[in-house]
């Protein structure tokens, strides 16, 4: 007997797919990042434009990269990443800056597919680490990461210097 999803009248959900973003995807990238900012209650901090993303992701010397996740042909998620380096390992790693799945597409495997794509890159390129941070209030994401075998690293505390502090410190450079 066939599985219940194959019975007449039942619809199979398409498996999520992923691919690297292209210059034609800049508006999709901007839309997802705006949605991420809203989700994190940080919309007021969102100042980047599609033009800024085009230059960063697809300019002459990109230093940041983007993968998109899809359900069918509908964009459903985004992963923004860059290469890091471990001085202890002496190898590059991959740092996931942001991942966001459209709320309507959650639970359909898009997030896992994006993580699997990045893990595949790590394996294929011999990268030593795959790292990211998560907001402490995002319990569903923390649970999702732990289920993938990536528990929180409580021994490291993120540090961030904003533009004003950077400029002030830079003035002290001899």
C-alpha atoms as a PDB file:
ATOM      1  CA  UNK A   1       0.000   0.000   0.000  1.00  0.00           C
ATOM      2  CA  UNK A   2       1.271   3.457  -0.821  1.00  0.00           C
ATOM      3  CA  UNK A   3       1.874   6.102   1.856  1.00  0.00           C
ATOM      4  CA  UNK A   4      -1.074   8.294   2.798  1.00  0.00           C
ATOM      5  CA  UNK A   5       0.520  11.247   1.025  1.00  0.00           C
ATOM      6  CA  UNK A   6       0.117   9.326  -2.255  1.00  0.00           C
ATOM      7  CA  UNK A   7      -3.623   8.789  -1.825  1.00  0.00           C
ATOM      8  CA  UNK A   8      -5.882  10.640  -4.244  1.00  0.00           C
ATOM      9  CA  UNK A   9      -6.856  14.044  -2.923  1.00  0.00           C
ATOM     10  CA  UNK A  10      -3.660  14.399  -0.877  1.00  0.00           C
ATOM     11  CA  UNK A  11      -1.011  16.842  -1.996  1.00  0.00           C
ATOM     12  CA  UNK A  12       2.662  16.126  -1.663  1.00  0.00           C
ATOM     13  CA  UNK A  13       4.685  19.029  -0.423  1.00  0.00           C
ATOM     14  CA  UNK A  14       7.552  19.768  -2.751  1.00  0.00           C
ATOM     15  CA  UNK A  15      10.978  19.204  -1.228  1.00  0.00           C
ATOM     16  CA  UNK A  16      12.874  22.409  -0.584  1.00  0.00           C
ATOM     17  CA  UNK A  17      15.707  23.285  -2.907  1.00  0.00           C
ATOM     18  CA  UNK A  18      18.613  25.681  -2.522  1.00  0.00           C
ATOM     19  CA  UNK A  19      20.951  27.563  -4.793  1.00  0.00           C
ATOM     20  CA  UNK A  20      23.444  30.421  -4.663  1.00  0.00           C
ATOM     21  CA  UNK A  21      21.868  33.839  -5.139  1.00  0.00           C
ATOM     22  CA  UNK A  22      22.475  35.665  -8.419  1.00  0.00           C
ATOM     23  CA  UNK A  23      22.421  39.382  -9.248  1.00  0.00           C
ATOM     24  CA  UNK A  24      18.809  38.941 -10.386  1.00  0.00           C
ATOM     25  CA  UNK A  25      17.909  38.023  -6.782  1.00  0.00           C
ATOM     26  CA  UNK A  26      18.854  41.349  -5.150  1.00  0.00           C
ATOM     27  CA  UNK A  27      15.234  42.379  -4.464  1.00  0.00           C
ATOM     28  CA  UNK A  28      14.492  38.950  -2.981  1.00  0.00           C
ATOM     29  CA  UNK A  29      17.564  39.283  -0.743  1.00  0.00           C
ATOM     30  CA  UNK A  30      16.484  42.766   0.377  1.00  0.00           C
ATOM     31  CA  UNK A  31      12.938  41.562   1.100  1.00  0.00           C
ATOM     32  CA  UNK A  32      14.164  38.669   3.235  1.00  0.00           C
ATOM     33  CA  UNK A  33      16.568  40.868   5.178  1.00  0.00           C
ATOM     34  CA  UNK A  34      13.802  43.414   5.817  1.00  0.00           C
ATOM     35  CA  UNK A  35      11.627  40.556   7.096  1.00  0.00           C
ATOM     36  CA  UNK A  36      14.469  39.356   9.320  1.00  0.00           C
ATOM     37  CA  UNK A  37      14.907  42.863  10.752  1.00  0.00           C
ATOM     38  CA  UNK A  38      11.190  43.028  11.528  1.00  0.00           C
ATOM     39  CA  UNK A  39      11.255  39.556  13.117  1.00  0.00           C
ATOM     40  CA  UNK A  40      14.140  40.619  15.372  1.00  0.00           C
ATOM     41  CA  UNK A  41      12.432  43.959  16.189  1.00  0.00           C
ATOM     42  CA  UNK A  42      15.325  45.790  14.541  1.00  0.00           C
ATOM     43  CA  UNK A  43      13.628  47.456  11.557  1.00  0.00           C
ATOM     44  CA  UNK A  44      14.868  50.871  12.707  1.00  0.00           C
ATOM     45  CA  UNK A  45      18.454  49.610  12.260  1.00  0.00           C
ATOM     46  CA  UNK A  46      17.803  48.512   8.676  1.00  0.00           C
ATOM     47  CA  UNK A  47      19.503  51.045   6.403  1.00  0.00           C
ATOM     48  CA  UNK A  48      20.934  48.823   3.638  1.00  0.00           C
ATOM     49  CA  UNK A  49      19.520  49.146   0.135  1.00  0.00           C
ATOM     50  CA  UNK A  50      19.226  46.646  -2.711  1.00  0.00           C
ATOM     51  CA  UNK A  51      22.091  48.550  -4.364  1.00  0.00           C
ATOM     52  CA  UNK A  52      24.267  47.960  -1.302  1.00  0.00           C
ATOM     53  CA  UNK A  53      23.480  44.242  -1.443  1.00  0.00           C
ATOM     54  CA  UNK A  54      24.232  44.132  -5.178  1.00  0.00           C
ATOM     55  CA  UNK A  55      27.664  45.665  -4.553  1.00  0.00           C
ATOM     56  CA  UNK A  56      28.423  43.458  -1.534  1.00  0.00           C
ATOM     57  CA  UNK A  57      27.275  40.113  -2.957  1.00  0.00           C
ATOM     58  CA  UNK A  58      28.001  40.571  -6.649  1.00  0.00           C
ATOM     59  CA  UNK A  59      30.604  43.335  -6.987  1.00  0.00           C
ATOM     60  CA  UNK A  60      34.177  42.968  -8.193  1.00  0.00           C
ATOM     61  CA  UNK A  61      35.493  41.392  -4.994  1.00  0.00           C
ATOM     62  CA  UNK A  62      32.609  39.916  -2.970  1.00  0.00           C
ATOM     63  CA  UNK A  63      33.413  39.093   0.639  1.00  0.00           C
ATOM     64  CA  UNK A  64      29.931  37.914   1.575  1.00  0.00           C
ATOM     65  CA  UNK A  65      27.722  35.325  -0.083  1.00  0.00           C
ATOM     66  CA  UNK A  66      24.086  34.309  -0.157  1.00  0.00           C
ATOM     67  CA  UNK A  67      22.137  31.101  -0.604  1.00  0.00           C
ATOM     68  CA  UNK A  68      18.412  31.017  -1.261  1.00  0.00           C
ATOM     69  CA  UNK A  69      15.950  28.309  -0.298  1.00  0.00           C
ATOM     70  CA  UNK A  70      12.802  27.549  -2.271  1.00  0.00           C
ATOM     71  CA  UNK A  71       9.567  25.612  -1.969  1.00  0.00           C
ATOM     72  CA  UNK A  72       8.770  24.854  -5.574  1.00  0.00           C
ATOM     73  CA  UNK A  73       9.713  28.039  -7.404  1.00  0.00           C
ATOM     74  CA  UNK A  74       8.769  30.337  -4.494  1.00  0.00           C
ATOM     75  CA  UNK A  75      11.620  31.895  -2.496  1.00  0.00           C
ATOM     76  CA  UNK A  76      11.239  30.673   1.091  1.00  0.00           C
ATOM     77  CA  UNK A  77      14.508  31.410   2.894  1.00  0.00           C
ATOM     78  CA  UNK A  78      17.911  33.008   2.863  1.00  0.00           C
ATOM     79  CA  UNK A  79      21.358  32.317   4.328  1.00  0.00           C
ATOM     80  CA  UNK A  80      24.024  35.051   4.289  1.00  0.00           C
ATOM     81  CA  UNK A  81      27.576  33.889   5.037  1.00  0.00           C
ATOM     82  CA  UNK A  82      31.277  34.645   4.717  1.00  0.00           C
ATOM     83  CA  UNK A  83      34.594  32.900   5.293  1.00  0.00           C
ATOM     84  CA  UNK A  84      36.211  33.096   8.707  1.00  0.00           C
ATOM     85  CA  UNK A  85      39.588  31.821   9.869  1.00  0.00           C
ATOM     86  CA  UNK A  86      40.664  29.787  12.881  1.00  0.00           C
ATOM     87  CA  UNK A  87      44.201  30.551  13.978  1.00  0.00           C
ATOM     88  CA  UNK A  88      44.159  27.422  16.158  1.00  0.00           C
ATOM     89  CA  UNK A  89      43.125  25.152  13.286  1.00  0.00           C
ATOM     90  CA  UNK A  90      45.075  27.079  10.660  1.00  0.00           C
ATOM     91  CA  UNK A  91      42.057  26.724   8.367  1.00  0.00           C
ATOM     92  CA  UNK A  92      39.217  28.779   7.076  1.00  0.00           C
ATOM     93  CA  UNK A  93      35.703  28.270   8.338  1.00  0.00           C
ATOM     94  CA  UNK A  94      32.265  29.425   7.354  1.00  0.00           C
ATOM     95  CA  UNK A  95      30.419  32.028   9.411  1.00  0.00           C
ATOM     96  CA  UNK A  96      26.666  32.239   8.943  1.00  0.00           C
ATOM     97  CA  UNK A  97      25.751  35.890   9.426  1.00  0.00           C
ATOM     98  CA  UNK A  98      21.995  35.503   8.982  1.00  0.00           C
ATOM     99  CA  UNK A  99      19.462  32.834   8.189  1.00  0.00           C
ATOM    100  CA  UNK A 100      15.773  33.515   7.782  1.00  0.00           C
ATOM    101  CA  UNK A 101      12.890  31.349   6.619  1.00  0.00           C
ATOM    102  CA  UNK A 102       9.564  32.908   5.692  1.00  0.00           C
ATOM    103  CA  UNK A 103       7.128  32.111   8.522  1.00  0.00           C
ATOM    104  CA  UNK A 104       4.705  30.561   5.997  1.00  0.00           C
ATOM    105  CA  UNK A 105       7.426  28.121   4.899  1.00  0.00           C
ATOM    106  CA  UNK A 106       8.674  27.080   8.346  1.00  0.00           C
ATOM    107  CA  UNK A 107       8.459  23.405   9.188  1.00  0.00           C
ATOM    108  CA  UNK A 108       8.898  22.389   5.541  1.00  0.00           C
ATOM    109  CA  UNK A 109      12.647  21.755   5.655  1.00  0.00           C
ATOM    110  CA  UNK A 110      13.883  25.025   4.125  1.00  0.00           C
ATOM    111  CA  UNK A 111      16.097  25.942   7.076  1.00  0.00           C
ATOM    112  CA  UNK A 112      17.580  22.455   7.249  1.00  0.00           C
ATOM    113  CA  UNK A 113      18.193  22.509   3.479  1.00  0.00           C
ATOM    114  CA  UNK A 114      20.068  25.815   3.770  1.00  0.00           C
ATOM    115  CA  UNK A 115      22.168  24.474   6.641  1.00  0.00           C
ATOM    116  CA  UNK A 116      22.860  21.269   4.682  1.00  0.00           C
ATOM    117  CA  UNK A 117      23.995  23.306   1.649  1.00  0.00           C
ATOM    118  CA  UNK A 118      26.437  25.257   3.817  1.00  0.00           C
ATOM    119  CA  UNK A 119      27.638  22.087   5.573  1.00  0.00           C
ATOM    120  CA  UNK A 120      28.251  20.553   2.125  1.00  0.00           C
ATOM    121  CA  UNK A 121      30.361  23.599   1.235  1.00  0.00           C
ATOM    122  CA  UNK A 122      32.364  23.146   4.458  1.00  0.00           C
ATOM    123  CA  UNK A 123      33.034  19.496   3.633  1.00  0.00           C
ATOM    124  CA  UNK A 124      33.819  20.118  -0.040  1.00  0.00           C
ATOM    125  CA  UNK A 125      36.230  22.973   0.766  1.00  0.00           C
ATOM    126  CA  UNK A 126      37.835  21.346   3.813  1.00  0.00           C
ATOM    127  CA  UNK A 127      36.683  24.146   6.102  1.00  0.00           C
ATOM    128  CA  UNK A 128      37.416  23.657   9.790  1.00  0.00           C
ATOM    129  CA  UNK A 129      34.347  25.255  11.366  1.00  0.00           C
ATOM    130  CA  UNK A 130      30.758  26.261  10.718  1.00  0.00           C
ATOM    131  CA  UNK A 131      29.675  28.924  13.183  1.00  0.00           C
ATOM    132  CA  UNK A 132      26.868  31.379  13.854  1.00  0.00           C
ATOM    133  CA  UNK A 133      25.157  33.190  16.697  1.00  0.00           C
ATOM    134  CA  UNK A 134      21.544  33.170  17.835  1.00  0.00           C
ATOM    135  CA  UNK A 135      19.551  35.628  19.880  1.00  0.00           C
ATOM    136  CA  UNK A 136      19.047  34.284  23.396  1.00  0.00           C
ATOM    137  CA  UNK A 137      15.261  34.799  23.212  1.00  0.00           C
ATOM    138  CA  UNK A 138      14.876  32.750  20.017  1.00  0.00           C
ATOM    139  CA  UNK A 139      14.086  29.444  21.736  1.00  0.00           C
ATOM    140  CA  UNK A 140      12.708  27.768  18.605  1.00  0.00           C
ATOM    141  CA  UNK A 141      15.955  28.455  16.711  1.00  0.00           C
ATOM    142  CA  UNK A 142      18.065  27.282  19.660  1.00  0.00           C
ATOM    143  CA  UNK A 143      16.098  24.022  19.748  1.00  0.00           C
ATOM    144  CA  UNK A 144      16.420  23.610  15.969  1.00  0.00           C
ATOM    145  CA  UNK A 145      20.206  24.105  16.134  1.00  0.00           C
ATOM    146  CA  UNK A 146      20.597  21.687  19.039  1.00  0.00           C
ATOM    147  CA  UNK A 147      18.593  19.055  17.139  1.00  0.00           C
ATOM    148  CA  UNK A 148      21.084  19.382  14.260  1.00  0.00           C
ATOM    149  CA  UNK A 149      23.963  18.754  16.680  1.00  0.00           C
ATOM    150  CA  UNK A 150      24.916  22.411  17.207  1.00  0.00           C
ATOM    151  CA  UNK A 151      24.299  23.308  20.853  1.00  0.00           C
ATOM    152  CA  UNK A 152      25.016  26.774  22.244  1.00  0.00           C
ATOM    153  CA  UNK A 153      28.612  27.655  23.063  1.00  0.00           C
ATOM    154  CA  UNK A 154      28.182  29.359  26.415  1.00  0.00           C
ATOM    155  CA  UNK A 155      31.906  29.988  26.859  1.00  0.00           C
ATOM    156  CA  UNK A 156      32.068  32.706  24.175  1.00  0.00           C
ATOM    157  CA  UNK A 157      30.370  36.087  24.425  1.00  0.00           C
ATOM    158  CA  UNK A 158      29.778  38.050  21.201  1.00  0.00           C
ATOM    159  CA  UNK A 159      31.388  41.493  21.047  1.00  0.00           C
ATOM    160  CA  UNK A 160      30.440  44.188  18.561  1.00  0.00           C
ATOM    161  CA  UNK A 161      31.812  47.649  17.953  1.00  0.00           C
ATOM    162  CA  UNK A 162      29.572  50.099  16.088  1.00  0.00           C
ATOM    163  CA  UNK A 163      30.601  52.717  13.551  1.00  0.00           C
ATOM    164  CA  UNK A 164      30.963  55.590  16.036  1.00  0.00           C
ATOM    165  CA  UNK A 165      33.226  53.566  18.343  1.00  0.00           C
ATOM    166  CA  UNK A 166      35.252  52.318  15.364  1.00  0.00           C
ATOM    167  CA  UNK A 167      35.840  55.875  14.163  1.00  0.00           C
ATOM    168  CA  UNK A 168      36.820  57.030  17.663  1.00  0.00           C
ATOM    169  CA  UNK A 169      39.293  54.169  18.071  1.00  0.00           C
ATOM    170  CA  UNK A 170      40.661  54.660  14.543  1.00  0.00           C
ATOM    171  CA  UNK A 171      41.613  58.252  15.438  1.00  0.00           C
ATOM    172  CA  UNK A 172      44.042  56.771  17.980  1.00  0.00           C
ATOM    173  CA  UNK A 173      45.934  54.825  15.316  1.00  0.00           C
ATOM    174  CA  UNK A 174      49.561  56.014  15.162  1.00  0.00           C
END
